[in-house]
Amino acid sequence: MLARALYELDRGKPIELKSLFCDGSNAWDDGKAIVNYMKINSNLPPSFVNEDVKIVEDETIVRSNLKSVSDVYSWIQEYGRTSDTKWNLRSSRPSGTRLVC
């Protein structure tokens, strides 16, 4: 999973290396993104095909094989159980091709 996280995150922008101190006094933003990517992917609903996960600042983009509103509801419930995430729908495109939660 680490190799996949490095590959996917490096496609968006080059990952910058940084020296770190053991006391945690400095942060490595790309390192946080790698850890977040792995956490998100480990919790994605296995009953759906999920791909192209990308983290951009505070937004996570996931593409899944959802075919209906019922699938969206099932995906959200399943992901909520595995990740303890609560959802509020903010917006959607009228064409129904994208939901922002």
C-alpha atoms as a PDB file:
ATOM      1  CA  MET A   1       0.000   0.000   0.000  1.00  0.00           C
ATOM      2  CA  LEU A   2       2.922   2.350   0.676  1.00  0.00           C
ATOM      3  CA  ALA A   3       4.206   1.914  -2.895  1.00  0.00           C
ATOM      4  CA  ARG A   4       0.748   2.708  -4.307  1.00  0.00           C
ATOM      5  CA  ALA A   5       0.465   5.790  -2.078  1.00  0.00           C
ATOM      6  CA  LEU A   6       3.864   7.049  -3.226  1.00  0.00           C
ATOM      7  CA  TYR A   7       2.981   6.436  -6.882  1.00  0.00           C
ATOM      8  CA  GLU A   8      -0.435   8.122  -6.734  1.00  0.00           C
ATOM      9  CA  LEU A   9       0.697  11.124  -4.711  1.00  0.00           C
ATOM     10  CA  ASP A  10       3.796  11.652  -6.858  1.00  0.00           C
ATOM     11  CA  ARG A  11       1.582  11.875  -9.978  1.00  0.00           C
ATOM     12  CA  GLY A  12       0.024  15.092  -8.682  1.00  0.00           C
ATOM     13  CA  LYS A  13       3.228  16.824  -7.613  1.00  0.00           C
ATOM     14  CA  PRO A  14       6.727  15.623  -6.804  1.00  0.00           C
ATOM     15  CA  ILE A  15       7.099  14.362  -3.247  1.00  0.00           C
ATOM     16  CA  GLU A  16       9.640  16.475  -1.395  1.00  0.00           C
ATOM     17  CA  LEU A  17      12.026  14.806   1.029  1.00  0.00           C
ATOM     18  CA  LYS A  18      12.689  16.481   4.351  1.00  0.00           C
ATOM     19  CA  SER A  19      14.908  15.787   7.343  1.00  0.00           C
ATOM     20  CA  LEU A  20      12.887  15.167  10.490  1.00  0.00           C
ATOM     21  CA  PHE A  21      13.691  15.258  14.182  1.00  0.00           C
ATOM     22  CA  CYS A  22      12.673  12.362  16.425  1.00  0.00           C
ATOM     23  CA  ASP A  23      10.929  14.699  18.869  1.00  0.00           C
ATOM     24  CA  GLY A  24       8.259  15.563  16.275  1.00  0.00           C
ATOM     25  CA  SER A  25       9.064  19.268  16.383  1.00  0.00           C
ATOM     26  CA  ASN A  26       8.839  19.665  12.616  1.00  0.00           C
ATOM     27  CA  ALA A  27       6.216  18.387  10.205  1.00  0.00           C
ATOM     28  CA  TRP A  28       6.510  16.806   6.760  1.00  0.00           C
ATOM     29  CA  ASP A  29       3.406  17.663   4.736  1.00  0.00           C
ATOM     30  CA  ASP A  30       4.038  15.024   2.069  1.00  0.00           C
ATOM     31  CA  GLY A  31       4.485  12.441   4.826  1.00  0.00           C
ATOM     32  CA  LYS A  32       1.094  13.375   6.267  1.00  0.00           C
ATOM     33  CA  ALA A  33      -0.444  13.011   2.792  1.00  0.00           C
ATOM     34  CA  ILE A  34       1.087   9.527   2.415  1.00  0.00           C
ATOM     35  CA  VAL A  35      -0.285   8.401   5.783  1.00  0.00           C
ATOM     36  CA  ASN A  36      -3.729   9.881   5.016  1.00  0.00           C
ATOM     37  CA  TYR A  37      -3.790   8.138   1.616  1.00  0.00           C
ATOM     38  CA  MET A  38      -3.065   4.773   3.225  1.00  0.00           C
ATOM     39  CA  LYS A  39      -5.681   5.312   5.962  1.00  0.00           C
ATOM     40  CA  ILE A  40      -8.355   6.272   3.441  1.00  0.00           C
ATOM     41  CA  ASN A  41      -7.601   3.369   1.099  1.00  0.00           C
ATOM     42  CA  SER A  42      -7.636   0.834   3.905  1.00  0.00           C
ATOM     43  CA  ASN A  43     -11.187   1.923   4.828  1.00  0.00           C
ATOM     44  CA  LEU A  44     -12.790   2.175   1.367  1.00  0.00           C
ATOM     45  CA  PRO A  45     -15.831  -0.086   0.945  1.00  0.00           C
ATOM     46  CA  PRO A  46     -14.633  -3.410  -0.508  1.00  0.00           C
ATOM     47  CA  SER A  47     -18.000  -4.163  -2.129  1.00  0.00           C
ATOM     48  CA  PHE A  48     -17.357  -1.323  -4.637  1.00  0.00           C
ATOM     49  CA  VAL A  49     -14.532  -0.706  -7.097  1.00  0.00           C
ATOM     50  CA  ASN A  50     -12.687   2.358  -5.752  1.00  0.00           C
ATOM     51  CA  GLU A  51      -9.828   3.978  -7.629  1.00  0.00           C
ATOM     52  CA  ASP A  52      -7.991   7.211  -8.372  1.00  0.00           C
ATOM     53  CA  VAL A  53      -7.932   8.333  -4.780  1.00  0.00           C
ATOM     54  CA  LYS A  54      -6.311  11.749  -4.537  1.00  0.00           C
ATOM     55  CA  ILE A  55      -5.848  14.067  -1.595  1.00  0.00           C
ATOM     56  CA  VAL A  56      -5.739  17.765  -2.453  1.00  0.00           C
ATOM     57  CA  GLU A  57      -5.281  19.930   0.637  1.00  0.00           C
ATOM     58  CA  ASP A  58      -8.322  19.082   2.807  1.00  0.00           C
ATOM     59  CA  GLU A  59     -10.336  17.346   0.052  1.00  0.00           C
ATOM     60  CA  THR A  60     -10.238  13.637  -0.805  1.00  0.00           C
ATOM     61  CA  ILE A  61     -11.330  12.516  -4.273  1.00  0.00           C
ATOM     62  CA  VAL A  62     -12.474   8.905  -4.746  1.00  0.00           C
ATOM     63  CA  ARG A  63     -13.893   7.393  -7.917  1.00  0.00           C
ATOM     64  CA  SER A  64     -16.194   4.418  -7.418  1.00  0.00           C
ATOM     65  CA  ASN A  65     -18.427   2.285  -9.620  1.00  0.00           C
ATOM     66  CA  LEU A  66     -21.678   3.744  -8.268  1.00  0.00           C
ATOM     67  CA  LYS A  67     -24.632   3.352 -10.626  1.00  0.00           C
ATOM     68  CA  SER A  68     -27.531   4.817  -8.658  1.00  0.00           C
ATOM     69  CA  VAL A  69     -28.492   6.930  -5.678  1.00  0.00           C
ATOM     70  CA  SER A  70     -29.062   3.678  -3.813  1.00  0.00           C
ATOM     71  CA  ASP A  71     -25.410   2.738  -4.480  1.00  0.00           C
ATOM     72  CA  VAL A  72     -24.322   6.126  -3.124  1.00  0.00           C
ATOM     73  CA  TYR A  73     -26.329   5.508   0.050  1.00  0.00           C
ATOM     74  CA  SER A  74     -24.818   2.016   0.442  1.00  0.00           C
ATOM     75  CA  TRP A  75     -21.273   3.292  -0.193  1.00  0.00           C
ATOM     76  CA  ILE A  76     -21.650   6.051   2.408  1.00  0.00           C
ATOM     77  CA  GLN A  77     -23.072   3.627   4.995  1.00  0.00           C
ATOM     78  CA  GLU A  78     -20.329   1.058   4.392  1.00  0.00           C
ATOM     79  CA  TYR A  79     -17.538   3.653   4.476  1.00  0.00           C
ATOM     80  CA  GLY A  80     -19.034   5.194   7.607  1.00  0.00           C
ATOM     81  CA  ARG A  81     -18.896   1.826   9.383  1.00  0.00           C
ATOM     82  CA  THR A  82     -15.233   1.216   8.491  1.00  0.00           C
ATOM     83  CA  SER A  83     -13.972   4.761   9.031  1.00  0.00           C
ATOM     84  CA  ASP A  84     -16.318   6.263  11.641  1.00  0.00           C
ATOM     85  CA  THR A  85     -17.009   9.108   9.195  1.00  0.00           C
ATOM     86  CA  LYS A  86     -20.168  11.200   9.319  1.00  0.00           C
ATOM     87  CA  TRP A  87     -21.423  12.720   6.052  1.00  0.00           C
ATOM     88  CA  ASN A  88     -23.220  15.899   5.067  1.00  0.00           C
ATOM     89  CA  LEU A  89     -24.035  16.382   1.391  1.00  0.00           C
ATOM     90  CA  ARG A  90     -22.892  19.851   0.334  1.00  0.00           C
ATOM     91  CA  SER A  91     -23.363  19.970  -3.413  1.00  0.00           C
ATOM     92  CA  SER A  92     -23.710  17.968  -6.593  1.00  0.00           C
ATOM     93  CA  ARG A  93     -23.570  18.537 -10.322  1.00  0.00           C
ATOM     94  CA  PRO A  94     -26.962  18.545 -12.047  1.00  0.00           C
ATOM     95  CA  SER A  95     -25.767  15.844 -14.456  1.00  0.00           C
ATOM     96  CA  GLY A  96     -25.422  13.490 -11.503  1.00  0.00           C
ATOM     97  CA  THR A  97     -21.809  12.680 -12.333  1.00  0.00           C
ATOM     98  CA  ARG A  98     -20.260  14.065  -9.169  1.00  0.00           C
ATOM     99  CA  LEU A  99     -21.280  14.353  -5.546  1.00  0.00           C
ATOM    100  CA  VAL A 100     -19.375  16.384  -3.004  1.00  0.00           C
ATOM    101  CA  CYS A 101     -19.825  15.139   0.552  1.00  0.00           C
END
